[in-house]
Amino acid sequence: MPTGYRSMPVLPCQNVEVCAAFYVEKLGFTLANFWQEDGEAMAFAIVSLGTITLALQHAPDFKPHNGWSAYLYVDDVRALAAIAGARAVDIQTSPHETFYGMIEFDLKDPEGHVIAFGQDMNAGPNGPGL
């Protein structure tokens, strides 16, 4: 049986370049790679923060939905929330402890995706959330 080792949520975006810049400039991600449409507009980009990767895919008719678009585990959620707050990111919920053993906060990116960042207070032997 194959074993998974990483995942990459794919977020639809009307403007990939603006969304990629948000993750890089506001949250400290790195632009890992991008592909252009007709040599001009970004059609697809991958941003990373440590072993977290997010793909941003051009979707001109994208409309945001309610609820989380992705849940990302980090080692210091309060520090990331402080950085995001200092850089005028739209924080939806401040860092808080949950009944399921996480410290988490939510933010909204320029495309309207709600992204949750969580820190597992009691990570299992296979990592956070497990």
N, C-alpha and C. Protein backbone atom coordinates (compact mmCIF):
# COMPACT_ATOMS: atom_id res chain seq x y z
N MET A 1 0.84 -1.18 0.00
CA MET A 1 0.00 0.00 0.00
C MET A 1 0.88 1.24 0.00
N PRO A 2 0.65 2.19 -0.90
CA PRO A 2 1.44 3.42 -0.91
C PRO A 2 1.25 4.23 0.37
N THR A 3 2.25 5.00 0.73
CA THR A 3 2.21 5.87 1.90
C THR A 3 2.29 7.31 1.46
N GLY A 4 1.40 8.14 1.95
CA GLY A 4 1.47 9.58 1.65
C GLY A 4 2.57 10.23 2.47
N TYR A 5 3.11 11.32 1.95
CA TYR A 5 4.15 12.00 2.71
C TYR A 5 4.01 13.52 2.72
N ARG A 6 3.10 14.06 1.94
CA ARG A 6 2.90 15.51 1.95
C ARG A 6 1.62 15.80 1.20
N SER A 7 1.01 16.94 1.47
CA SER A 7 -0.16 17.36 0.70
C SER A 7 0.02 18.82 0.29
N MET A 8 -0.74 19.22 -0.71
CA MET A 8 -0.67 20.59 -1.19
C MET A 8 -2.07 21.04 -1.57
N PRO A 9 -2.76 21.75 -0.67
CA PRO A 9 -4.06 22.29 -1.06
C PRO A 9 -3.90 23.21 -2.27
N VAL A 10 -4.87 23.16 -3.18
CA VAL A 10 -4.88 24.01 -4.36
C VAL A 10 -6.00 25.02 -4.20
N LEU A 11 -5.63 26.29 -4.13
CA LEU A 11 -6.60 27.36 -3.92
C LEU A 11 -6.86 28.08 -5.23
N PRO A 12 -8.12 28.14 -5.68
CA PRO A 12 -8.43 28.90 -6.89
C PRO A 12 -8.31 30.38 -6.61
N CYS A 13 -7.80 31.13 -7.59
CA CYS A 13 -7.57 32.56 -7.42
C CYS A 13 -7.92 33.31 -8.70
N GLN A 14 -8.57 34.43 -8.54
CA GLN A 14 -8.79 35.30 -9.70
C GLN A 14 -7.47 35.96 -10.12
N ASN A 15 -6.63 36.30 -9.13
CA ASN A 15 -5.35 36.94 -9.43
C ASN A 15 -4.25 36.20 -8.65
N VAL A 16 -3.59 35.28 -9.31
CA VAL A 16 -2.56 34.45 -8.68
C VAL A 16 -1.40 35.31 -8.17
N GLU A 17 -1.00 36.30 -8.93
CA GLU A 17 0.14 37.13 -8.54
C GLU A 17 -0.12 37.88 -7.24
N VAL A 18 -1.30 38.46 -7.10
CA VAL A 18 -1.65 39.19 -5.88
C VAL A 18 -1.71 38.23 -4.69
N CYS A 19 -2.29 37.06 -4.91
CA CYS A 19 -2.42 36.08 -3.82
C CYS A 19 -1.05 35.55 -3.41
N ALA A 20 -0.19 35.25 -4.37
CA ALA A 20 1.16 34.78 -4.06
C ALA A 20 1.92 35.84 -3.27
N ALA A 21 1.81 37.09 -3.69
CA ALA A 21 2.50 38.18 -2.99
C ALA A 21 2.02 38.29 -1.54
N PHE A 22 0.73 38.07 -1.31
CA PHE A 22 0.18 38.10 0.04
C PHE A 22 0.87 37.06 0.92
N TYR A 23 0.94 35.82 0.47
CA TYR A 23 1.55 34.76 1.29
C TYR A 23 3.04 35.02 1.52
N VAL A 24 3.72 35.55 0.52
CA VAL A 24 5.16 35.83 0.65
C VAL A 24 5.40 37.05 1.54
N GLU A 25 4.76 38.16 1.23
CA GLU A 25 5.04 39.42 1.93
C GLU A 25 4.41 39.52 3.31
N LYS A 26 3.23 38.96 3.48
CA LYS A 26 2.51 39.11 4.75
C LYS A 26 2.76 37.97 5.73
N LEU A 27 3.02 36.76 5.21
CA LEU A 27 3.12 35.60 6.09
C LEU A 27 4.47 34.89 6.06
N GLY A 28 5.41 35.36 5.23
CA GLY A 28 6.75 34.79 5.24
C GLY A 28 6.93 33.53 4.42
N PHE A 29 5.95 33.20 3.56
CA PHE A 29 6.12 32.07 2.66
C PHE A 29 7.18 32.42 1.62
N THR A 30 7.67 31.42 0.93
CA THR A 30 8.60 31.59 -0.19
C THR A 30 7.88 31.23 -1.48
N LEU A 31 8.10 32.00 -2.51
CA LEU A 31 7.57 31.64 -3.83
C LEU A 31 8.45 30.54 -4.38
N ALA A 32 7.95 29.31 -4.35
CA ALA A 32 8.74 28.15 -4.76
C ALA A 32 8.83 28.03 -6.27
N ASN A 33 7.74 28.32 -6.96
CA ASN A 33 7.73 28.24 -8.42
C ASN A 33 6.44 28.86 -8.94
N PHE A 34 6.45 29.26 -10.21
CA PHE A 34 5.24 29.76 -10.83
C PHE A 34 5.30 29.52 -12.33
N TRP A 35 4.12 29.50 -12.93
CA TRP A 35 3.98 29.31 -14.36
C TRP A 35 3.09 30.42 -14.89
N GLN A 36 3.41 30.90 -16.08
CA GLN A 36 2.68 32.02 -16.64
C GLN A 36 1.74 31.59 -17.76
N GLU A 37 0.71 32.39 -17.97
CA GLU A 37 -0.26 32.23 -19.04
C GLU A 37 0.14 33.19 -20.14
N ASP A 38 0.36 32.70 -21.33
CA ASP A 38 0.72 33.56 -22.46
C ASP A 38 1.93 34.44 -22.18
N GLY A 39 2.82 33.97 -21.31
CA GLY A 39 4.02 34.73 -21.00
C GLY A 39 3.78 35.97 -20.16
N GLU A 40 2.56 36.18 -19.66
CA GLU A 40 2.27 37.41 -18.91
C GLU A 40 1.77 37.12 -17.50
N ALA A 41 0.49 36.81 -17.35
CA ALA A 41 -0.09 36.64 -16.02
C ALA A 41 0.27 35.28 -15.43
N MET A 42 0.46 35.26 -14.10
CA MET A 42 0.69 33.99 -13.42
C MET A 42 -0.57 33.13 -13.54
N ALA A 43 -0.40 31.90 -13.97
CA ALA A 43 -1.52 30.97 -14.07
C ALA A 43 -1.52 29.99 -12.90
N PHE A 44 -0.35 29.75 -12.32
CA PHE A 44 -0.22 28.76 -11.25
C PHE A 44 1.03 29.11 -10.47
N ALA A 45 0.95 29.04 -9.16
CA ALA A 45 2.11 29.31 -8.32
C ALA A 45 2.10 28.35 -7.14
N ILE A 46 3.27 28.06 -6.62
CA ILE A 46 3.41 27.27 -5.41
C ILE A 46 4.18 28.13 -4.41
N VAL A 47 3.59 28.29 -3.21
CA VAL A 47 4.26 29.01 -2.13
C VAL A 47 4.50 28.01 -1.00
N SER A 48 5.57 28.23 -0.25
CA SER A 48 5.90 27.27 0.81
C SER A 48 6.35 27.99 2.08
N LEU A 49 6.11 27.32 3.19
CA LEU A 49 6.56 27.75 4.51
C LEU A 49 7.03 26.48 5.20
N GLY A 50 8.33 26.27 5.24
CA GLY A 50 8.85 25.00 5.73
C GLY A 50 8.37 23.89 4.82
N THR A 51 7.72 22.89 5.38
CA THR A 51 7.22 21.78 4.56
C THR A 51 5.77 21.99 4.11
N ILE A 52 5.17 23.13 4.47
CA ILE A 52 3.82 23.45 3.99
C ILE A 52 3.93 23.99 2.58
N THR A 53 3.10 23.49 1.69
CA THR A 53 3.01 24.07 0.36
C THR A 53 1.55 24.35 0.04
N LEU A 54 1.32 25.47 -0.62
CA LEU A 54 0.01 25.83 -1.14
C LEU A 54 0.16 26.09 -2.62
N ALA A 55 -0.78 25.60 -3.41
CA ALA A 55 -0.81 25.91 -4.83
C ALA A 55 -1.89 26.95 -5.05
N LEU A 56 -1.61 27.88 -5.92
CA LEU A 56 -2.55 28.94 -6.27
C LEU A 56 -2.82 28.82 -7.76
N GLN A 57 -4.06 28.56 -8.12
CA GLN A 57 -4.40 28.28 -9.51
C GLN A 57 -5.36 29.34 -10.05
N HIS A 58 -5.04 29.87 -11.22
CA HIS A 58 -5.88 30.89 -11.84
C HIS A 58 -7.27 30.32 -12.11
N ALA A 59 -8.27 31.01 -11.59
CA ALA A 59 -9.67 30.62 -11.76
C ALA A 59 -10.47 31.92 -11.84
N PRO A 60 -10.63 32.47 -13.03
CA PRO A 60 -11.24 33.80 -13.17
C PRO A 60 -12.65 33.93 -12.60
N ASP A 61 -13.38 32.84 -12.51
CA ASP A 61 -14.76 32.89 -12.01
C ASP A 61 -14.89 32.46 -10.55
N PHE A 62 -13.76 32.37 -9.84
CA PHE A 62 -13.78 31.90 -8.45
C PHE A 62 -14.61 32.81 -7.56
N LYS A 63 -15.42 32.20 -6.71
CA LYS A 63 -16.18 32.90 -5.68
C LYS A 63 -15.88 32.19 -4.35
N PRO A 64 -15.48 32.94 -3.32
CA PRO A 64 -15.16 32.31 -2.05
C PRO A 64 -16.38 31.64 -1.42
N HIS A 65 -16.14 30.63 -0.60
CA HIS A 65 -17.20 29.93 0.10
C HIS A 65 -17.03 30.13 1.60
N ASN A 66 -18.01 29.72 2.36
CA ASN A 66 -17.90 29.79 3.81
C ASN A 66 -17.07 28.61 4.30
N GLY A 67 -16.38 28.81 5.38
CA GLY A 67 -15.59 27.73 5.97
C GLY A 67 -14.14 27.79 5.55
N TRP A 68 -13.36 26.90 6.16
CA TRP A 68 -11.93 26.85 5.89
C TRP A 68 -11.65 26.34 4.48
N SER A 69 -10.67 26.95 3.86
CA SER A 69 -10.14 26.44 2.59
C SER A 69 -8.97 25.50 2.84
N ALA A 70 -8.25 25.73 3.94
CA ALA A 70 -7.11 24.87 4.30
C ALA A 70 -6.84 25.03 5.79
N TYR A 71 -6.29 23.98 6.39
CA TYR A 71 -5.85 24.00 7.78
C TYR A 71 -4.38 23.63 7.76
N LEU A 72 -3.53 24.55 8.24
CA LEU A 72 -2.08 24.37 8.15
C LEU A 72 -1.48 24.34 9.55
N TYR A 73 -0.64 23.34 9.80
CA TYR A 73 0.01 23.19 11.10
C TYR A 73 1.34 23.93 11.11
N VAL A 74 1.57 24.71 12.17
CA VAL A 74 2.84 25.43 12.35
C VAL A 74 3.34 25.17 13.77
N ASP A 75 4.60 25.50 14.01
CA ASP A 75 5.18 25.23 15.32
C ASP A 75 4.96 26.35 16.33
N ASP A 76 4.63 27.56 15.89
CA ASP A 76 4.40 28.68 16.80
C ASP A 76 3.29 29.56 16.23
N VAL A 77 2.06 29.18 16.50
CA VAL A 77 0.91 29.86 15.91
C VAL A 77 0.78 31.30 16.42
N ARG A 78 1.12 31.52 17.68
CA ARG A 78 1.01 32.88 18.23
C ARG A 78 1.99 33.83 17.55
N ALA A 79 3.20 33.37 17.28
CA ALA A 79 4.19 34.21 16.59
C ALA A 79 3.71 34.54 15.17
N LEU A 80 3.17 33.55 14.47
CA LEU A 80 2.68 33.81 13.11
C LEU A 80 1.51 34.78 13.14
N ALA A 81 0.62 34.64 14.11
CA ALA A 81 -0.51 35.56 14.23
C ALA A 81 -0.03 36.98 14.52
N ALA A 82 1.01 37.12 15.33
CA ALA A 82 1.56 38.45 15.63
C ALA A 82 2.15 39.08 14.37
N ILE A 83 2.88 38.28 13.59
CA ILE A 83 3.44 38.78 12.33
C ILE A 83 2.32 39.21 11.40
N ALA A 84 1.31 38.35 11.25
CA ALA A 84 0.18 38.66 10.37
C ALA A 84 -0.54 39.92 10.82
N GLY A 85 -0.77 40.05 12.11
CA GLY A 85 -1.45 41.23 12.63
C GLY A 85 -0.65 42.51 12.39
N ALA A 86 0.66 42.43 12.58
CA ALA A 86 1.52 43.59 12.37
C ALA A 86 1.57 44.00 10.89
N ARG A 87 1.24 43.07 10.00
CA ARG A 87 1.28 43.35 8.56
C ARG A 87 -0.12 43.55 7.98
N ALA A 88 -1.06 43.90 8.84
CA ALA A 88 -2.43 44.26 8.45
C ALA A 88 -3.17 43.15 7.70
N VAL A 89 -2.94 41.90 8.11
CA VAL A 89 -3.68 40.78 7.54
C VAL A 89 -5.07 40.75 8.18
N ASP A 90 -6.06 40.34 7.42
CA ASP A 90 -7.44 40.24 7.89
C ASP A 90 -7.58 38.99 8.77
N ILE A 91 -7.35 39.17 10.09
CA ILE A 91 -7.47 38.08 11.06
C ILE A 91 -8.95 37.88 11.36
N GLN A 92 -9.44 36.66 11.16
CA GLN A 92 -10.84 36.35 11.41
C GLN A 92 -11.08 35.95 12.86
N THR A 93 -10.19 35.14 13.42
CA THR A 93 -10.25 34.78 14.84
C THR A 93 -8.84 34.83 15.39
N SER A 94 -8.69 35.42 16.55
CA SER A 94 -7.38 35.52 17.21
C SER A 94 -6.96 34.15 17.72
N PRO A 95 -5.65 33.99 18.01
CA PRO A 95 -5.20 32.70 18.55
C PRO A 95 -5.98 32.34 19.82
N HIS A 96 -6.43 31.11 19.85
CA HIS A 96 -7.20 30.63 20.99
C HIS A 96 -7.02 29.12 21.12
N GLU A 97 -7.18 28.64 22.34
CA GLU A 97 -7.10 27.20 22.59
C GLU A 97 -8.46 26.59 22.31
N THR A 98 -8.44 25.40 21.71
CA THR A 98 -9.68 24.72 21.37
C THR A 98 -9.88 23.51 22.29
N PHE A 99 -11.08 22.98 22.30
CA PHE A 99 -11.38 21.78 23.10
C PHE A 99 -10.70 20.55 22.53
N TYR A 100 -10.21 20.62 21.29
CA TYR A 100 -9.55 19.47 20.67
C TYR A 100 -8.03 19.57 20.69
N GLY A 101 -7.50 20.41 21.59
CA GLY A 101 -6.07 20.41 21.86
C GLY A 101 -5.19 21.22 20.92
N MET A 102 -5.80 22.21 20.27
CA MET A 102 -5.03 23.06 19.35
C MET A 102 -5.04 24.49 19.85
N ILE A 103 -4.02 25.24 19.43
CA ILE A 103 -4.06 26.69 19.49
C ILE A 103 -4.16 27.09 18.02
N GLU A 104 -5.15 27.88 17.67
CA GLU A 104 -5.35 28.19 16.26
C GLU A 104 -5.88 29.60 16.06
N PHE A 105 -5.68 30.10 14.84
CA PHE A 105 -6.30 31.35 14.42
C PHE A 105 -6.62 31.22 12.94
N ASP A 106 -7.56 32.05 12.51
CA ASP A 106 -7.98 32.06 11.11
C ASP A 106 -7.70 33.42 10.51
N LEU A 107 -7.36 33.40 9.23
CA LEU A 107 -7.20 34.65 8.50
C LEU A 107 -7.89 34.52 7.15
N LYS A 108 -8.07 35.67 6.52
CA LYS A 108 -8.67 35.67 5.19
C LYS A 108 -7.65 36.26 4.22
N ASP A 109 -7.40 35.54 3.12
CA ASP A 109 -6.44 36.03 2.13
C ASP A 109 -7.16 36.96 1.14
N PRO A 110 -6.45 37.59 0.21
CA PRO A 110 -7.07 38.55 -0.70
C PRO A 110 -8.16 37.95 -1.60
N GLU A 111 -8.16 36.64 -1.77
CA GLU A 111 -9.17 35.99 -2.61
C GLU A 111 -10.40 35.57 -1.81
N GLY A 112 -10.36 35.75 -0.49
CA GLY A 112 -11.49 35.39 0.36
C GLY A 112 -11.38 34.01 0.97
N HIS A 113 -10.26 33.31 0.75
CA HIS A 113 -10.05 32.00 1.38
C HIS A 113 -9.82 32.20 2.88
N VAL A 114 -10.51 31.43 3.69
CA VAL A 114 -10.24 31.42 5.13
C VAL A 114 -9.26 30.28 5.38
N ILE A 115 -8.09 30.66 5.89
CA ILE A 115 -7.02 29.71 6.16
C ILE A 115 -6.84 29.63 7.67
N ALA A 116 -6.88 28.42 8.20
CA ALA A 116 -6.66 28.20 9.63
C ALA A 116 -5.21 27.76 9.82
N PHE A 117 -4.57 28.33 10.82
CA PHE A 117 -3.22 27.91 11.23
C PHE A 117 -3.35 27.35 12.64
N GLY A 118 -2.82 26.16 12.85
CA GLY A 118 -2.95 25.52 14.14
C GLY A 118 -1.63 24.99 14.67
N GLN A 119 -1.54 24.97 15.99
CA GLN A 119 -0.40 24.39 16.69
C GLN A 119 -0.96 23.34 17.64
N ASP A 120 -0.54 22.10 17.46
CA ASP A 120 -1.02 20.99 18.26
C ASP A 120 -0.31 21.01 19.61
N MET A 121 -1.08 21.14 20.68
CA MET A 121 -0.48 21.19 22.02
C MET A 121 -0.03 19.84 22.52
N ASN A 122 -0.50 18.77 21.90
CA ASN A 122 -0.13 17.41 22.30
C ASN A 122 0.06 16.55 21.06
N ALA A 123 0.99 16.94 20.21
CA ALA A 123 1.20 16.21 18.96
C ALA A 123 1.54 14.74 19.23
N GLY A 124 0.94 13.87 18.43
CA GLY A 124 1.22 12.45 18.55
C GLY A 124 2.56 12.09 17.93
N PRO A 125 2.97 10.84 18.01
CA PRO A 125 4.27 10.41 17.48
C PRO A 125 4.39 10.57 15.96
N ASN A 126 3.25 10.66 15.26
CA ASN A 126 3.28 10.83 13.81
C ASN A 126 3.10 12.29 13.39
N GLY A 127 3.15 13.20 14.36
CA GLY A 127 3.06 14.61 14.02
C GLY A 127 1.75 15.24 14.49
N PRO A 128 1.60 16.53 14.22
CA PRO A 128 0.40 17.24 14.68
C PRO A 128 -0.85 16.69 14.03
N GLY A 129 -1.90 16.66 14.84
CA GLY A 129 -3.19 16.21 14.34
C GLY A 129 -3.35 14.71 14.26
N LEU A 130 -2.29 13.97 14.60
CA LEU A 130 -2.34 12.51 14.47
C LEU A 130 -2.09 11.81 15.80
